[in-house]
């Protein structure tokens, strides 16, 4: 089954350039890009749902835990 992807000429040219450089079809590049996008979106969605569940359950970091985390990052930045 073929699906038409509508994109502007600049994007199409970029896709074609990548496809040529990788010796692949445009559809391969599109499928790889879609798979990567979906993976990131699923990860973010799952992480957000988990955070909401924790917040709804009252699972928050204490003031001390927050201060310790900031102190750690402040030390690491030096």
PDB file of N, CA and C in Angstrom:
ATOM      1  N   UNK A   1       0.839  -1.168   0.000  1.00  0.00           N
ATOM      2  CA  UNK A   1       0.000   0.000   0.000  1.00  0.00           C
ATOM      3  C   UNK A   1       0.887   1.234   0.000  1.00  0.00           C
ATOM      4  N   UNK A   2       0.681   2.122  -0.925  1.00  0.00           N
ATOM      5  CA  UNK A   2       1.448   3.359  -0.989  1.00  0.00           C
ATOM      6  C   UNK A   2       0.687   4.471  -0.297  1.00  0.00           C
ATOM      7  N   UNK A   3       1.426   5.273   0.448  1.00  0.00           N
ATOM      8  CA  UNK A   3       0.860   6.441   1.117  1.00  0.00           C
ATOM      9  C   UNK A   3       1.572   7.659   0.553  1.00  0.00           C
ATOM     10  N   UNK A   4       0.822   8.639   0.163  1.00  0.00           N
ATOM     11  CA  UNK A   4       1.421   9.860  -0.367  1.00  0.00           C
ATOM     12  C   UNK A   4       1.822  10.767   0.785  1.00  0.00           C
ATOM     13  N   UNK A   5       3.055  11.231   0.750  1.00  0.00           N
ATOM     14  CA  UNK A   5       3.537  12.177   1.744  1.00  0.00           C
ATOM     15  C   UNK A   5       3.632  13.533   1.074  1.00  0.00           C
ATOM     16  N   UNK A   6       2.903  14.481   1.599  1.00  0.00           N
ATOM     17  CA  UNK A   6       2.930  15.826   1.046  1.00  0.00           C
ATOM     18  C   UNK A   6       3.915  16.655   1.850  1.00  0.00           C
ATOM     19  N   UNK A   7       4.899  17.182   1.174  1.00  0.00           N
ATOM     20  CA  UNK A   7       5.881  18.026   1.827  1.00  0.00           C
ATOM     21  C   UNK A   7       6.363  19.056   0.820  1.00  0.00           C
ATOM     22  N   UNK A   8       6.991  20.100   1.299  1.00  0.00           N
ATOM     23  CA  UNK A   8       7.456  21.120   0.356  1.00  0.00           C
ATOM     24  C   UNK A   8       8.692  20.626  -0.392  1.00  0.00           C
ATOM     25  N   UNK A   9       9.016  21.334  -1.448  1.00  0.00           N
ATOM     26  CA  UNK A   9      10.121  20.922  -2.313  1.00  0.00           C
ATOM     27  C   UNK A   9      11.454  20.875  -1.570  1.00  0.00           C
ATOM     28  N   UNK A  10      11.666  21.806  -0.660  1.00  0.00           N
ATOM     29  CA  UNK A  10      12.927  21.834   0.082  1.00  0.00           C
ATOM     30  C   UNK A  10      13.092  20.571   0.917  1.00  0.00           C
ATOM     31  N   UNK A  11      12.031  20.160   1.608  1.00  0.00           N
ATOM     32  CA  UNK A  11      12.093  18.927   2.397  1.00  0.00           C
ATOM     33  C   UNK A  11      12.299  17.712   1.500  1.00  0.00           C
ATOM     34  N   UNK A  12      11.606  17.688   0.394  1.00  0.00           N
ATOM     35  CA  UNK A  12      11.740  16.571  -0.537  1.00  0.00           C
ATOM     36  C   UNK A  12      13.172  16.482  -1.055  1.00  0.00           C
ATOM     37  N   UNK A  13      13.751  17.634  -1.383  1.00  0.00           N
ATOM     38  CA  UNK A  13      15.129  17.654  -1.867  1.00  0.00           C
ATOM     39  C   UNK A  13      16.098  17.169  -0.793  1.00  0.00           C
ATOM     40  N   UNK A  14      15.859  17.586   0.450  1.00  0.00           N
ATOM     41  CA  UNK A  14      16.707  17.123   1.564  1.00  0.00           C
ATOM     42  C   UNK A  14      16.590  15.608   1.736  1.00  0.00           C
ATOM     43  N   UNK A  15      15.363  15.109   1.704  1.00  0.00           N
ATOM     44  CA  UNK A  15      15.151  13.665   1.815  1.00  0.00           C
ATOM     45  C   UNK A  15      15.860  12.916   0.693  1.00  0.00           C
ATOM     46  N   UNK A  16      15.719  13.428  -0.508  1.00  0.00           N
ATOM     47  CA  UNK A  16      16.361  12.776  -1.642  1.00  0.00           C
ATOM     48  C   UNK A  16      17.878  12.798  -1.519  1.00  0.00           C
ATOM     49  N   UNK A  17      18.420  13.910  -1.023  1.00  0.00           N
ATOM     50  CA  UNK A  17      19.868  13.993  -0.819  1.00  0.00           C
ATOM     51  C   UNK A  17      20.356  12.976   0.190  1.00  0.00           C
ATOM     52  N   UNK A  18      19.616  12.816   1.276  1.00  0.00           N
ATOM     53  CA  UNK A  18      19.968  11.819   2.282  1.00  0.00           C
ATOM     54  C   UNK A  18      19.844  10.419   1.707  1.00  0.00           C
ATOM     55  N   UNK A  19      18.756  10.190   0.998  1.00  0.00           N
ATOM     56  CA  UNK A  19      18.538   8.866   0.392  1.00  0.00           C
ATOM     57  C   UNK A  19      19.668   8.515  -0.572  1.00  0.00           C
ATOM     58  N   UNK A  20      20.057   9.461  -1.402  1.00  0.00           N
ATOM     59  CA  UNK A  20      21.150   9.213  -2.355  1.00  0.00           C
ATOM     60  C   UNK A  20      22.440   8.934  -1.597  1.00  0.00           C
ATOM     61  N   UNK A  21      22.716   9.733  -0.573  1.00  0.00           N
ATOM     62  CA  UNK A  21      23.930   9.551   0.222  1.00  0.00           C
ATOM     63  C   UNK A  21      23.988   8.212   0.925  1.00  0.00           C
ATOM     64  N   UNK A  22      22.839   7.682   1.277  1.00  0.00           N
ATOM     65  CA  UNK A  22      22.772   6.391   1.972  1.00  0.00           C
ATOM     66  C   UNK A  22      22.503   5.238   1.014  1.00  0.00           C
ATOM     67  N   UNK A  23      22.346   5.553  -0.266  1.00  0.00           N
ATOM     68  CA  UNK A  23      22.012   4.554  -1.281  1.00  0.00           C
ATOM     69  C   UNK A  23      20.743   3.795  -0.898  1.00  0.00           C
ATOM     70  N   UNK A  24      19.730   4.583  -0.517  1.00  0.00           N
ATOM     71  CA  UNK A  24      18.426   4.051  -0.111  1.00  0.00           C
ATOM     72  C   UNK A  24      17.331   4.776  -0.861  1.00  0.00           C
ATOM     73  N   UNK A  25      16.145   4.234  -0.788  1.00  0.00           N
ATOM     74  CA  UNK A  25      14.966   4.887  -1.364  1.00  0.00           C
ATOM     75  C   UNK A  25      14.462   5.959  -0.397  1.00  0.00           C
ATOM     76  N   UNK A  26      13.757   6.945  -0.948  1.00  0.00           N
ATOM     77  CA  UNK A  26      13.158   7.973  -0.108  1.00  0.00           C
ATOM     78  C   UNK A  26      12.239   7.351   0.938  1.00  0.00           C
ATOM     79  N   UNK A  27      11.505   6.332   0.566  1.00  0.00           N
ATOM     80  CA  UNK A  27      10.572   5.699   1.504  1.00  0.00           C
ATOM     81  C   UNK A  27      11.302   5.098   2.710  1.00  0.00           C
ATOM     82  N   UNK A  28      12.495   4.584   2.502  1.00  0.00           N
ATOM     83  CA  UNK A  28      13.281   4.040   3.620  1.00  0.00           C
ATOM     84  C   UNK A  28      13.610   5.159   4.608  1.00  0.00           C
ATOM     85  N   UNK A  29      14.064   6.298   4.085  1.00  0.00           N
ATOM     86  CA  UNK A  29      14.418   7.439   4.934  1.00  0.00           C
ATOM     87  C   UNK A  29      13.183   7.929   5.684  1.00  0.00           C
ATOM     88  N   UNK A  30      12.060   8.019   4.994  1.00  0.00           N
ATOM     89  CA  UNK A  30      10.821   8.450   5.642  1.00  0.00           C
ATOM     90  C   UNK A  30      10.398   7.483   6.742  1.00  0.00           C
ATOM     91  N   UNK A  31      10.470   6.198   6.468  1.00  0.00           N
ATOM     92  CA  UNK A  31      10.088   5.208   7.478  1.00  0.00           C
ATOM     93  C   UNK A  31      11.003   5.262   8.690  1.00  0.00           C
ATOM     94  N   UNK A  32      12.303   5.463   8.470  1.00  0.00           N
ATOM     95  CA  UNK A  32      13.242   5.598   9.585  1.00  0.00           C
ATOM     96  C   UNK A  32      12.928   6.847  10.404  1.00  0.00           C
ATOM     97  N   UNK A  33      12.639   7.942   9.711  1.00  0.00           N
ATOM     98  CA  UNK A  33      12.314   9.190  10.406  1.00  0.00           C
ATOM     99  C   UNK A  33      11.021   9.059  11.210  1.00  0.00           C
ATOM    100  N   UNK A  34      10.032   8.430  10.627  1.00  0.00           N
ATOM    101  CA  UNK A  34       8.760   8.226  11.325  1.00  0.00           C
ATOM    102  C   UNK A  34       8.958   7.332  12.545  1.00  0.00           C
ATOM    103  N   UNK A  35       9.722   6.271  12.398  1.00  0.00           N
ATOM    104  CA  UNK A  35       9.980   5.364  13.521  1.00  0.00           C
ATOM    105  C   UNK A  35      10.688   6.098  14.659  1.00  0.00           C
ATOM    106  N   UNK A  36      11.678   6.930  14.324  1.00  0.00           N
ATOM    107  CA  UNK A  36      12.395   7.686  15.348  1.00  0.00           C
ATOM    108  C   UNK A  36      11.461   8.679  16.034  1.00  0.00           C
ATOM    109  N   UNK A  37      10.627   9.354  15.262  1.00  0.00           N
ATOM    110  CA  UNK A  37       9.670  10.309  15.814  1.00  0.00           C
ATOM    111  C   UNK A  37       8.694   9.607  16.763  1.00  0.00           C
ATOM    112  N   UNK A  38       8.157   8.486  16.333  1.00  0.00           N
ATOM    113  CA  UNK A  38       7.196   7.752  17.163  1.00  0.00           C
ATOM    114  C   UNK A  38       7.836   7.256  18.453  1.00  0.00           C
ATOM    115  N   UNK A  39       9.073   6.817  18.364  1.00  0.00           N
ATOM    116  CA  UNK A  39       9.778   6.351  19.557  1.00  0.00           C
ATOM    117  C   UNK A  39       9.912   7.471  20.587  1.00  0.00           C
ATOM    118  N   UNK A  40      10.307   8.645  20.135  1.00  0.00           N
ATOM    119  CA  UNK A  40      10.451   9.789  21.038  1.00  0.00           C
ATOM    120  C   UNK A  40       9.102  10.191  21.617  1.00  0.00           C
ATOM    121  N   UNK A  41       8.076  10.260  20.777  1.00  0.00           N
ATOM    122  CA  UNK A  41       6.759  10.667  21.249  1.00  0.00           C
ATOM    123  C   UNK A  41       6.198   9.679  22.258  1.00  0.00           C
ATOM    124  N   UNK A  42       6.376   8.378  22.013  1.00  0.00           N
ATOM    125  CA  UNK A  42       5.895   7.358  22.951  1.00  0.00           C
ATOM    126  C   UNK A  42       6.616   7.477  24.290  1.00  0.00           C
ATOM    127  N   UNK A  43       7.938   7.687  24.221  1.00  0.00           N
ATOM    128  CA  UNK A  43       8.714   7.840  25.452  1.00  0.00           C
ATOM    129  C   UNK A  43       8.213   9.040  26.243  1.00  0.00           C
ATOM    130  N   UNK A  44       8.026  10.178  25.568  1.00  0.00           N
ATOM    131  CA  UNK A  44       7.556  11.380  26.258  1.00  0.00           C
ATOM    132  C   UNK A  44       6.159  11.185  26.834  1.00  0.00           C
ATOM    133  N   UNK A  45       5.289  10.541  26.078  1.00  0.00           N
ATOM    134  CA  UNK A  45       3.925  10.307  26.544  1.00  0.00           C
ATOM    135  C   UNK A  45       3.919   9.402  27.777  1.00  0.00           C
ATOM    136  N   UNK A  46       4.689   8.339  27.734  1.00  0.00           N
ATOM    137  CA  UNK A  46       4.770   7.426  28.879  1.00  0.00           C
ATOM    138  C   UNK A  46       5.357   8.132  30.099  1.00  0.00           C
ATOM    139  N   UNK A  47       6.412   8.925  29.874  1.00  0.00           N
ATOM    140  CA  UNK A  47       7.044   9.640  30.975  1.00  0.00           C
ATOM    141  C   UNK A  47       6.087  10.661  31.586  1.00  0.00           C
ATOM    142  N   UNK A  48       5.327  11.340  30.746  1.00  0.00           N
ATOM    143  CA  UNK A  48       4.355  12.320  31.231  1.00  0.00           C
ATOM    144  C   UNK A  48       3.247  11.633  32.022  1.00  0.00           C
ATOM    145  N   UNK A  49       2.740  10.523  31.512  1.00  0.00           N
ATOM    146  CA  UNK A  49       1.697   9.781  32.236  1.00  0.00           C
ATOM    147  C   UNK A  49       2.192   9.314  33.593  1.00  0.00           C
ATOM    148  N   UNK A  50       3.433   8.826  33.630  1.00  0.00           N
ATOM    149  CA  UNK A  50       4.012   8.363  34.898  1.00  0.00           C
ATOM    150  C   UNK A  50       4.125   9.529  35.882  1.00  0.00           C
ATOM    151  N   UNK A  51       4.575  10.682  35.400  1.00  0.00           N
ATOM    152  CA  UNK A  51       4.707  11.855  36.261  1.00  0.00           C
ATOM    153  C   UNK A  51       3.350  12.305  36.794  1.00  0.00           C
ATOM    154  N   UNK A  52       2.340  12.266  35.957  1.00  0.00           N
ATOM    155  CA  UNK A  52       0.991  12.648  36.398  1.00  0.00           C
ATOM    156  C   UNK A  52       0.484  11.679  37.462  1.00  0.00           C
ATOM    157  N   UNK A  53       0.705  10.380  37.255  1.00  0.00           N
ATOM    158  CA  UNK A  53       0.296   9.386  38.254  1.00  0.00           C
ATOM    159  C   UNK A  53       1.003   9.630  39.586  1.00  0.00           C
ATOM    160  N   UNK A  54       2.300   9.919  39.522  1.00  0.00           N
ATOM    161  CA  UNK A  54       3.051  10.188  40.748  1.00  0.00           C
ATOM    162  C   UNK A  54       2.531  11.442  41.441  1.00  0.00           C
ATOM    163  N   UNK A  55       2.260  12.479  40.662  1.00  0.00           N
ATOM    164  CA  UNK A  55       1.746  13.723  41.240  1.00  0.00           C
ATOM    165  C   UNK A  55       0.362  13.504  41.837  1.00  0.00           C
ATOM    166  N   UNK A  56      -0.490  12.771  41.118  1.00  0.00           N
ATOM    167  CA  UNK A  56      -1.829  12.481  41.647  1.00  0.00           C
ATOM    168  C   UNK A  56      -1.752  11.679  42.940  1.00  0.00           C
ATOM    169  N   UNK A  57      -0.711  10.864  43.061  1.00  0.00           N
ATOM    170  CA  UNK A  57      -0.527  10.068  44.276  1.00  0.00           C
ATOM    171  C   UNK A  57       0.198  10.820  45.377  1.00  0.00           C
ATOM    172  N   UNK A  58       0.525  12.075  45.126  1.00  0.00           N
ATOM    173  CA  UNK A  58       1.201  12.884  46.141  1.00  0.00           C
ATOM    174  C   UNK A  58       2.682  12.586  46.251  1.00  0.00           C
ATOM    175  N   UNK A  59       3.248  11.934  45.264  1.00  0.00           N
ATOM    176  CA  UNK A  59       4.659  11.549  45.286  1.00  0.00           C
ATOM    177  C   UNK A  59       5.517  12.695  44.748  1.00  0.00           C
ATOM    178  N   UNK A  60       5.872  13.605  45.646  1.00  0.00           N
ATOM    179  CA  UNK A  60       6.684  14.753  45.283  1.00  0.00           C
ATOM    180  C   UNK A  60       8.015  14.685  46.015  1.00  0.00           C
ATOM    181  N   UNK A  61       9.020  15.306  45.451  1.00  0.00           N
ATOM    182  CA  UNK A  61      10.313  15.400  46.131  1.00  0.00           C
ATOM    183  C   UNK A  61      10.181  16.397  47.285  1.00  0.00           C
ATOM    184  N   UNK A  62      10.896  16.107  48.361  1.00  0.00           N
ATOM    185  CA  UNK A  62      10.893  17.029  49.488  1.00  0.00           C
ATOM    186  C   UNK A  62      11.768  18.237  49.135  1.00  0.00           C
ATOM    187  N   UNK A  63      11.629  19.297  49.920  1.00  0.00           N
ATOM    188  CA  UNK A  63      12.462  20.482  49.687  1.00  0.00           C
ATOM    189  C   UNK A  63      13.939  20.113  49.769  1.00  0.00           C
ATOM    190  N   UNK A  64      14.284  19.267  50.704  1.00  0.00           N
ATOM    191  CA  UNK A  64      15.684  18.854  50.869  1.00  0.00           C
ATOM    192  C   UNK A  64      16.181  18.083  49.637  1.00  0.00           C
ATOM    193  N   UNK A  65      15.361  17.180  49.110  1.00  0.00           N
ATOM    194  CA  UNK A  65      15.751  16.428  47.915  1.00  0.00           C
ATOM    195  C   UNK A  65      15.962  17.349  46.724  1.00  0.00           C
ATOM    196  N   UNK A  66      15.106  18.355  46.605  1.00  0.00           N
ATOM    197  CA  UNK A  66      15.239  19.316  45.503  1.00  0.00           C
ATOM    198  C   UNK A  66      16.525  20.113  45.669  1.00  0.00           C
ATOM    199  N   UNK A  67      16.793  20.584  46.872  1.00  0.00           N
ATOM    200  CA  UNK A  67      18.016  21.340  47.126  1.00  0.00           C
ATOM    201  C   UNK A  67      19.260  20.497  46.852  1.00  0.00           C
ATOM    202  N   UNK A  68      19.233  19.219  47.238  1.00  0.00           N
ATOM    203  CA  UNK A  68      20.365  18.331  46.982  1.00  0.00           C
ATOM    204  C   UNK A  68      20.576  18.135  45.484  1.00  0.00           C
ATOM    205  N   UNK A  69      19.504  17.995  44.738  1.00  0.00           N
ATOM    206  CA  UNK A  69      19.623  17.817  43.292  1.00  0.00           C
ATOM    207  C   UNK A  69      20.220  19.065  42.649  1.00  0.00           C
ATOM    208  N   UNK A  70      19.739  20.240  43.042  1.00  0.00           N
ATOM    209  CA  UNK A  70      20.287  21.468  42.482  1.00  0.00           C
ATOM    210  C   UNK A  70      21.754  21.639  42.868  1.00  0.00           C
ATOM    211  N   UNK A  71      22.089  21.294  44.097  1.00  0.00           N
ATOM    212  CA  UNK A  71      23.480  21.411  44.546  1.00  0.00           C
ATOM    213  C   UNK A  71      24.384  20.491  43.729  1.00  0.00           C
ATOM    214  N   UNK A  72      23.913  19.301  43.423  1.00  0.00           N
ATOM    215  CA  UNK A  72      24.703  18.358  42.634  1.00  0.00           C
ATOM    216  C   UNK A  72      24.979  18.922  41.245  1.00  0.00           C
ATOM    217  N   UNK A  73      23.951  19.456  40.603  1.00  0.00           N
ATOM    218  CA  UNK A  73      24.126  19.999  39.260  1.00  0.00           C
ATOM    219  C   UNK A  73      24.986  21.258  39.275  1.00  0.00           C
ATOM    220  N   UNK A  74      24.893  22.024  40.327  1.00  0.00           N
ATOM    221  CA  UNK A  74      25.718  23.220  40.455  1.00  0.00           C
ATOM    222  C   UNK A  74      27.183  22.829  40.588  1.00  0.00           C
ATOM    223  N   UNK A  75      27.468  21.768  41.366  1.00  0.00           N
ATOM    224  CA  UNK A  75      28.839  21.280  41.523  1.00  0.00           C
ATOM    225  C   UNK A  75      29.356  20.728  40.193  1.00  0.00           C
ATOM    226  N   UNK A  76      28.517  19.963  39.486  1.00  0.00           N
ATOM    227  CA  UNK A  76      28.931  19.346  38.221  1.00  0.00           C
ATOM    228  C   UNK A  76      29.211  20.393  37.141  1.00  0.00           C
ATOM    229  N   UNK A  77      28.572  21.550  37.223  1.00  0.00           N
ATOM    230  CA  UNK A  77      28.740  22.580  36.206  1.00  0.00           C
ATOM    231  C   UNK A  77      30.076  23.307  36.339  1.00  0.00           C
ATOM    232  N   UNK A  78      30.697  23.212  37.495  1.00  0.00           N
ATOM    233  CA  UNK A  78      31.965  23.922  37.731  1.00  0.00           C
ATOM    234  C   UNK A  78      33.103  23.264  37.081  1.00  0.00           C
TER     235      UNK A  78
END
